[in-house]
N, C-alpha and C. Protein backbone atom coordinates (compact mmCIF):
# COMPACT_ATOMS: atom_id res chain seq x y z
N MET A 1 104.57 109.94 113.58
CA MET A 1 104.20 108.79 113.49
C MET A 1 104.01 107.89 112.07
N PHE A 2 103.01 107.88 111.28
CA PHE A 2 103.16 107.75 109.79
C PHE A 2 103.72 108.57 108.00
N ASN A 3 103.44 108.18 107.27
CA ASN A 3 103.34 108.58 105.98
C ASN A 3 102.27 109.59 105.86
N GLY A 4 101.34 108.98 106.92
CA GLY A 4 99.66 110.03 105.81
C GLY A 4 98.85 108.48 105.29
N ASN A 5 99.09 107.42 104.79
CA ASN A 5 99.18 106.70 104.08
C ASN A 5 98.75 104.94 104.99
N VAL A 6 97.48 104.92 104.51
CA VAL A 6 96.79 104.00 105.74
C VAL A 6 96.36 102.74 104.24
N LEU A 7 97.22 101.17 105.07
CA LEU A 7 96.34 100.07 103.86
C LEU A 7 95.62 99.65 104.91
N VAL A 8 94.72 99.18 104.81
CA VAL A 8 93.41 98.04 105.53
C VAL A 8 93.19 96.76 104.17
N ALA A 9 93.48 95.83 104.96
CA ALA A 9 93.55 94.45 104.39
C ALA A 9 91.65 94.20 104.99
N THR A 10 90.57 93.39 103.29
CA THR A 10 89.72 92.52 104.35
C THR A 10 89.30 91.72 103.30
N ASP A 11 89.26 90.91 104.14
CA ASP A 11 88.55 88.97 103.73
C ASP A 11 86.91 89.02 103.57
N GLY A 12 86.15 90.06 103.93
CA GLY A 12 84.54 90.31 103.89
C GLY A 12 84.25 90.21 104.98
N SER A 13 84.77 89.35 106.30
CA SER A 13 84.62 88.84 107.48
C SER A 13 84.08 90.41 108.49
N PRO A 14 83.67 89.79 109.38
CA PRO A 14 83.01 90.56 109.95
C PRO A 14 84.04 91.59 110.58
N ILE A 15 85.10 91.01 111.10
CA ILE A 15 86.58 91.67 111.66
C ILE A 15 87.10 92.64 111.12
N SER A 16 87.15 91.71 109.42
CA SER A 16 87.61 92.71 108.82
C SER A 16 87.06 93.57 108.47
N GLU A 17 85.61 93.73 108.34
CA GLU A 17 84.59 95.21 108.19
C GLU A 17 85.46 96.07 109.45
N ARG A 18 85.49 95.39 110.66
CA ARG A 18 85.19 96.17 111.80
C ARG A 18 87.09 96.83 111.78
N ALA A 19 87.97 96.10 110.48
CA ALA A 19 89.21 96.20 110.97
C ALA A 19 89.27 98.10 109.71
N VAL A 20 88.48 97.21 108.01
CA VAL A 20 88.24 98.91 107.77
C VAL A 20 87.49 99.78 108.84
N GLU A 21 86.20 99.85 108.98
CA GLU A 21 85.90 100.94 110.38
C GLU A 21 86.92 101.76 110.88
N THR A 22 87.97 100.47 111.62
CA THR A 22 88.57 101.26 112.50
C THR A 22 90.10 102.19 111.37
N ALA A 23 90.51 101.73 110.52
CA ALA A 23 91.12 102.24 109.47
C ALA A 23 89.88 103.57 108.96
N ALA A 24 89.30 103.84 108.50
CA ALA A 24 88.92 104.69 107.75
C ALA A 24 88.81 106.15 108.46
N GLN A 25 87.67 105.52 110.15
CA GLN A 25 88.20 106.96 111.32
C GLN A 25 89.25 107.16 111.83
N LEU A 26 90.19 105.95 110.80
CA LEU A 26 91.78 106.69 111.72
C LEU A 26 91.69 107.43 110.37
N ALA A 27 91.79 107.60 109.32
CA ALA A 27 92.03 108.27 108.35
C ALA A 27 91.64 109.21 108.21
N ALA A 28 90.21 109.73 109.16
CA ALA A 28 89.36 110.21 108.94
C ALA A 28 90.19 111.30 109.35
N ARG A 29 90.70 110.83 110.56
CA ARG A 29 90.67 111.98 112.21
C ARG A 29 92.00 112.74 111.98
N VAL A 30 93.54 112.26 111.14
CA VAL A 30 94.83 111.89 110.58
C VAL A 30 94.51 112.81 109.60
N GLY A 31 93.57 112.44 108.62
CA GLY A 31 93.87 113.08 107.26
C GLY A 31 94.82 112.60 106.74
N ALA A 32 94.52 111.23 106.67
CA ALA A 32 95.13 109.97 105.35
C ALA A 32 94.72 109.82 104.52
N SER A 33 95.51 109.22 103.46
CA SER A 33 95.13 108.78 102.47
C SER A 33 94.59 106.73 103.07
N LEU A 34 93.50 105.86 102.26
CA LEU A 34 92.99 105.07 102.88
C LEU A 34 93.49 104.26 101.30
N THR A 35 93.76 103.00 101.47
CA THR A 35 93.91 102.07 100.09
C THR A 35 92.85 100.66 100.95
N VAL A 36 92.32 100.20 100.44
CA VAL A 36 91.65 98.67 100.93
C VAL A 36 91.94 98.11 100.16
N VAL A 37 92.67 96.96 100.59
CA VAL A 37 92.76 95.87 99.90
C VAL A 37 92.27 94.46 100.20
N THR A 38 92.24 94.10 99.14
CA THR A 38 91.56 91.85 99.24
C THR A 38 92.66 91.29 98.50
N VAL A 39 92.78 89.63 98.73
CA VAL A 39 93.19 89.59 98.32
C VAL A 39 93.00 88.05 97.97
N GLU A 40 93.40 87.77 96.68
CA GLU A 40 93.05 86.25 96.30
C GLU A 40 93.34 85.37 95.52
N ALA A 41 93.39 84.07 96.50
CA ALA A 41 94.13 83.25 95.52
C ALA A 41 93.85 83.16 94.05
N PRO A 42 95.79 82.37 93.51
CA PRO A 42 95.02 82.20 92.00
C PRO A 42 94.54 80.88 91.64
N TYR A 43 93.90 80.29 90.55
CA TYR A 43 93.12 79.40 90.07
C TYR A 43 94.40 78.33 90.24
N PRO A 44 93.50 76.71 91.18
CA PRO A 44 95.00 76.79 92.16
C PRO A 44 95.82 75.06 90.30
N TYR A 45 94.44 75.36 89.51
CA TYR A 45 95.45 74.02 89.08
C TYR A 45 95.16 74.46 87.61
N SER A 46 97.12 73.56 87.09
CA SER A 46 97.74 74.09 86.00
C SER A 46 97.44 72.71 84.66
N ALA A 47 96.48 72.69 84.74
CA ALA A 47 96.53 71.59 83.77
C ALA A 47 96.09 72.29 81.79
N VAL A 48 96.47 71.94 81.27
CA VAL A 48 96.37 72.01 79.63
C VAL A 48 95.16 71.63 78.83
N GLY A 49 94.64 72.33 78.76
CA GLY A 49 93.58 71.77 78.03
C GLY A 49 91.80 72.50 78.07
N GLU A 50 91.70 72.67 77.05
CA GLU A 50 89.92 73.81 77.00
C GLU A 50 89.19 73.27 78.25
N SER A 51 89.15 72.37 79.03
CA SER A 51 88.24 72.43 80.11
C SER A 51 89.32 72.98 81.00
N SER A 52 89.43 73.99 81.51
CA SER A 52 91.05 73.69 82.52
C SER A 52 90.64 75.59 81.53
N ALA A 53 90.84 75.57 80.32
CA ALA A 53 90.89 77.22 80.27
C ALA A 53 89.27 77.56 81.07
N ILE A 54 88.17 77.01 80.67
CA ILE A 54 87.36 77.70 81.23
C ILE A 54 86.85 77.33 82.57
N ALA A 55 87.43 76.42 82.91
CA ALA A 55 87.20 75.92 84.55
C ALA A 55 87.74 77.50 85.58
N GLY A 56 88.95 77.99 84.73
CA GLY A 56 89.86 78.86 84.80
C GLY A 56 89.33 80.24 84.90
N ALA A 57 88.82 80.80 84.33
CA ALA A 57 87.54 81.89 83.78
C ALA A 57 86.35 81.87 84.01
N ASP A 58 85.38 80.61 85.36
CA ASP A 58 84.38 80.59 86.38
C ASP A 58 85.29 80.80 86.85
N TYR A 59 86.44 80.39 87.58
CA TYR A 59 87.19 81.00 88.72
C TYR A 59 87.32 82.07 89.01
N GLN A 60 88.06 82.08 88.07
CA GLN A 60 88.36 84.32 87.81
C GLN A 60 86.94 84.80 87.99
N ALA A 61 86.07 84.56 87.32
CA ALA A 61 84.46 85.06 87.06
C ALA A 61 84.03 86.01 88.88
N LYS A 62 83.89 84.11 89.30
CA LYS A 62 83.66 84.25 90.79
C LYS A 62 83.88 84.78 91.59
N VAL A 63 85.65 84.86 91.55
CA VAL A 63 86.87 85.13 92.91
C VAL A 63 86.59 86.93 92.53
N GLY A 64 86.25 87.12 91.49
CA GLY A 64 85.79 88.47 90.96
C GLY A 64 85.43 89.45 91.51
N ALA A 65 84.08 88.66 91.45
CA ALA A 65 83.19 89.25 91.95
C ALA A 65 82.96 89.49 93.32
N ALA A 66 82.97 88.29 93.75
CA ALA A 66 82.94 88.22 95.01
C ALA A 66 84.57 89.36 95.95
N ALA A 67 85.34 89.75 95.07
CA ALA A 67 86.21 90.42 95.59
C ALA A 67 85.82 92.14 95.23
N SER A 68 84.53 92.03 93.96
CA SER A 68 84.56 93.31 94.32
C SER A 68 83.83 93.74 94.94
N ALA A 69 82.37 92.81 95.05
CA ALA A 69 82.10 92.94 96.21
C ALA A 69 82.06 93.58 97.52
N ARG A 70 83.38 92.83 97.82
CA ARG A 70 83.44 93.45 99.30
C ARG A 70 84.54 94.44 99.48
N LEU A 71 85.78 95.36 98.03
CA LEU A 71 86.03 96.75 97.83
C LEU A 71 84.24 96.99 97.90
N ALA A 72 83.64 96.97 97.59
CA ALA A 72 82.85 97.95 96.98
C ALA A 72 81.64 98.31 98.85
N ARG A 73 81.87 96.88 99.85
CA ARG A 73 81.07 97.45 101.38
C ARG A 73 82.28 97.85 101.46
N ALA A 74 83.53 97.83 101.43
CA ALA A 74 84.71 99.09 102.51
C ALA A 74 84.25 100.23 101.86
N LYS A 75 84.15 100.44 100.86
CA LYS A 75 84.26 102.19 100.05
C LYS A 75 83.47 102.90 100.61
N GLU A 76 81.98 101.51 100.76
CA GLU A 76 81.01 102.00 101.69
C GLU A 76 81.06 102.56 103.24
N ILE A 77 81.93 102.10 103.83
CA ILE A 77 82.50 102.18 105.20
C ILE A 77 83.35 103.68 105.08
N ALA A 78 84.23 103.41 104.04
CA ALA A 78 85.21 104.48 103.88
C ALA A 78 84.21 106.08 103.69
N ALA A 79 82.94 106.25 102.87
CA ALA A 79 82.35 107.16 102.82
C ALA A 79 82.04 107.48 104.11
N ALA A 80 81.71 106.56 104.73
CA ALA A 80 80.58 107.07 105.93
C ALA A 80 81.36 107.82 106.98
N ALA A 81 82.59 107.87 106.72
CA ALA A 81 83.59 107.99 108.08
C ALA A 81 83.77 109.32 107.11
N GLY A 82 83.22 109.39 106.33
CA GLY A 82 83.65 110.86 105.02
C GLY A 82 85.13 110.71 104.59
N VAL A 83 85.91 108.84 104.31
CA VAL A 83 87.33 109.28 103.34
C VAL A 83 86.90 108.40 102.17
N ASP A 84 87.55 109.53 101.67
CA ASP A 84 87.60 108.60 100.26
C ASP A 84 88.62 107.78 100.14
N CYS A 85 88.15 106.54 99.71
CA CYS A 85 89.91 105.37 99.59
C CYS A 85 89.93 104.94 98.67
N ARG A 86 90.99 104.14 97.55
CA ARG A 86 91.46 103.63 96.70
C ARG A 86 91.69 102.23 97.23
N THR A 87 91.90 101.27 95.64
CA THR A 87 90.91 100.14 96.55
C THR A 87 92.10 99.16 95.54
N SER A 88 92.25 97.90 96.19
CA SER A 88 93.65 96.90 94.93
C SER A 88 93.27 95.31 95.20
N LEU A 89 92.83 94.95 94.45
CA LEU A 89 92.68 93.32 94.01
C LEU A 89 94.44 92.78 93.80
N GLN A 90 94.77 92.03 95.14
CA GLN A 90 95.58 91.84 94.84
C GLN A 90 96.01 89.36 94.84
N GLU A 91 96.65 89.11 93.91
CA GLU A 91 96.30 87.49 94.02
C GLU A 91 97.83 87.42 94.11
N ALA A 92 97.53 86.57 95.57
CA ALA A 92 99.41 85.72 95.62
C ALA A 92 98.55 84.43 96.39
N SER A 93 99.34 83.85 96.51
CA SER A 93 99.10 82.58 96.97
C SER A 93 99.00 82.68 98.94
N ASP A 94 98.96 83.66 99.41
CA ASP A 94 99.37 83.80 100.79
C ASP A 94 99.58 84.99 101.04
N VAL A 95 98.28 84.65 101.46
CA VAL A 95 97.36 87.00 101.89
C VAL A 95 98.75 87.34 102.25
N TYR A 96 98.86 87.29 103.22
CA TYR A 96 100.81 88.28 103.90
C TYR A 96 101.40 89.34 102.57
N ARG A 97 101.10 88.18 101.45
CA ARG A 97 102.75 88.29 100.69
C ARG A 97 100.95 88.92 99.72
N GLY A 98 100.43 89.19 99.70
CA GLY A 98 99.31 90.17 98.88
C GLY A 98 99.23 91.52 99.40
N VAL A 99 99.31 91.31 100.64
CA VAL A 99 99.09 92.87 101.81
C VAL A 99 100.14 93.45 101.76
N ILE A 100 101.34 92.69 101.80
CA ILE A 100 102.62 93.31 101.17
C ILE A 100 103.07 93.94 100.15
N ALA A 101 102.72 93.05 99.47
CA ALA A 101 102.46 93.90 98.09
C ALA A 101 101.18 95.17 97.40
N ALA A 102 100.56 95.11 97.91
CA ALA A 102 99.71 95.72 97.73
C ALA A 102 100.39 97.15 98.99
N ALA A 103 101.15 96.95 99.87
CA ALA A 103 101.38 98.09 101.10
C ALA A 103 103.02 98.97 100.44
N GLU A 104 103.67 98.20 99.73
CA GLU A 104 104.71 98.31 98.70
C GLU A 104 104.38 99.66 97.53
N GLN A 105 103.47 99.11 97.16
CA GLN A 105 102.52 99.61 95.64
C GLN A 105 102.04 100.92 96.05
N THR A 106 101.82 101.17 96.97
CA THR A 106 100.91 101.78 96.92
C THR A 106 101.74 103.09 98.37
N GLY A 107 102.79 102.60 99.39
CA GLY A 107 103.51 103.21 100.26
C GLY A 107 103.05 103.36 100.96
N ALA A 108 102.11 102.82 101.86
CA ALA A 108 101.41 103.31 103.07
C ALA A 108 102.67 102.59 104.35
N GLY A 109 101.97 103.71 104.50
CA GLY A 109 102.87 104.09 105.95
C GLY A 109 102.28 103.33 106.86
N LEU A 110 100.77 102.64 107.09
CA LEU A 110 100.41 101.67 108.73
C LEU A 110 99.89 101.01 107.76
N LEU A 111 100.02 99.62 108.43
CA LEU A 111 98.71 98.61 107.44
C LEU A 111 97.87 98.74 108.99
N VAL A 112 96.65 98.22 108.62
CA VAL A 112 95.27 97.63 109.87
C VAL A 112 94.84 96.25 108.94
N VAL A 113 95.25 95.56 109.92
CA VAL A 113 94.54 94.08 109.29
C VAL A 113 93.60 93.68 110.60
N ALA A 114 93.16 92.60 110.48
CA ALA A 114 92.44 91.90 111.38
C ALA A 114 92.06 90.55 111.90
N SER A 115 92.24 90.13 113.26
CA SER A 115 92.73 89.01 113.96
C SER A 115 92.10 88.33 114.79
N HIS A 116 91.15 86.94 114.04
CA HIS A 116 90.57 86.41 114.66
C HIS A 116 90.98 85.56 116.10
N GLY A 117 92.01 86.08 115.84
CA GLY A 117 92.17 85.61 117.84
C GLY A 117 92.61 84.35 117.76
N ARG A 118 92.55 83.70 117.14
CA ARG A 118 93.25 82.23 117.13
C ARG A 118 94.40 82.00 118.56
N ARG A 119 94.35 80.94 119.36
CA ARG A 119 95.10 80.53 119.99
C ARG A 119 95.15 79.49 120.11
N GLY A 120 96.43 78.68 121.07
CA GLY A 120 97.07 77.45 120.98
C GLY A 120 97.09 76.79 119.96
N LEU A 121 96.70 75.77 119.65
CA LEU A 121 96.09 74.65 118.58
C LEU A 121 95.72 74.65 117.74
N SER A 122 95.01 75.69 117.92
CA SER A 122 94.10 76.29 116.10
C SER A 122 94.56 77.03 115.81
N ALA A 123 95.27 78.25 116.10
CA ALA A 123 96.62 78.71 115.62
C ALA A 123 97.67 78.15 114.50
N LEU A 124 98.40 77.42 115.64
CA LEU A 124 98.83 76.87 114.87
C LEU A 124 98.89 75.42 113.76
N MET A 125 97.34 75.13 113.75
CA MET A 125 97.03 74.14 113.24
C MET A 125 96.44 75.19 111.44
N LEU A 126 95.82 76.42 111.88
CA LEU A 126 95.01 77.21 111.04
C LEU A 126 96.15 77.83 109.98
N GLY A 127 97.44 78.58 111.00
CA GLY A 127 98.35 79.57 110.53
C GLY A 127 97.93 80.06 110.73
N SER A 128 97.90 82.26 111.03
CA SER A 128 97.88 83.58 111.02
C SER A 128 98.34 84.28 110.59
N GLU A 129 97.87 84.57 109.29
CA GLU A 129 97.80 85.99 108.38
C GLU A 129 98.56 87.14 108.42
N THR A 130 98.20 87.16 109.64
CA THR A 130 98.34 88.21 110.91
C THR A 130 99.38 87.71 111.01
N GLN A 131 99.43 87.19 111.99
CA GLN A 131 101.33 86.77 112.35
C GLN A 131 102.42 86.64 111.07
N LYS A 132 101.98 85.87 109.84
CA LYS A 132 102.92 86.19 109.21
C LYS A 132 104.04 87.01 108.93
N LEU A 133 102.11 88.31 108.83
CA LEU A 133 102.51 89.80 108.13
C LEU A 133 104.01 90.20 108.96
N LEU A 134 103.10 90.29 110.33
CA LEU A 134 103.69 90.89 110.99
C LEU A 134 105.51 90.61 110.57
N ALA A 135 105.35 88.73 110.71
CA ALA A 135 106.83 88.61 110.83
C ALA A 135 107.55 89.29 109.12
N HIS A 136 106.74 89.70 108.17
CA HIS A 136 108.01 89.59 107.07
C HIS A 136 107.73 91.67 107.03
N THR A 137 107.26 91.80 106.46
CA THR A 137 106.48 93.55 105.98
C THR A 137 107.77 94.69 107.92
N THR A 138 108.08 95.51 107.20
CA THR A 138 108.81 96.53 108.06
C THR A 138 107.40 97.86 108.50
N VAL A 139 106.78 98.13 107.65
CA VAL A 139 105.75 98.90 107.66
C VAL A 139 104.85 99.12 109.50
N PRO A 140 105.01 99.51 109.63
CA PRO A 140 103.86 99.32 111.15
C PRO A 140 102.35 98.60 111.02
N VAL A 141 102.09 97.83 111.85
CA VAL A 141 100.39 97.41 111.90
C VAL A 141 100.07 97.32 112.96
N LEU A 142 99.08 97.81 111.96
CA LEU A 142 97.90 97.80 113.92
C LEU A 142 96.25 96.46 113.78
N VAL A 143 96.47 95.45 114.66
CA VAL A 143 95.93 94.37 114.49
C VAL A 143 94.87 94.64 115.27
N VAL A 144 93.61 94.90 114.67
CA VAL A 144 91.99 95.08 115.40
C VAL A 144 91.15 93.40 115.62
N ARG A 145 90.65 93.09 116.80
CA ARG A 145 90.02 92.50 117.37
C ARG A 145 89.43 92.61 117.33
């Protein structure tokens, strides 16, 4: 089936929490390890100067706090399922690239991700990180809706 290492991505949304629950339950049933990853965009401005350094530090503090809260919530979900889990915070401009990087770092044998299920023009306009992940990874993916 897979190598026993499940990686699940979360953005803190209700659907991604459902993906974490699914991954934790699966890991518990098959005795797999679990890693939860969240991906944050790097600071978007590259201007040089003291004010940009302060703004960048503020951005990183806020992003870091939000990411820590998401990962803490995921650990609670995993603990409720009886599974210990590791966490990973990735910095990447594209979420799917961050998830793939975490999968490579952890040797994941299965990725679990959420999909909002957008179709038609909204899917085309918004893009789908899940679709990009499916197109660029060689690791099996379980999509939770």
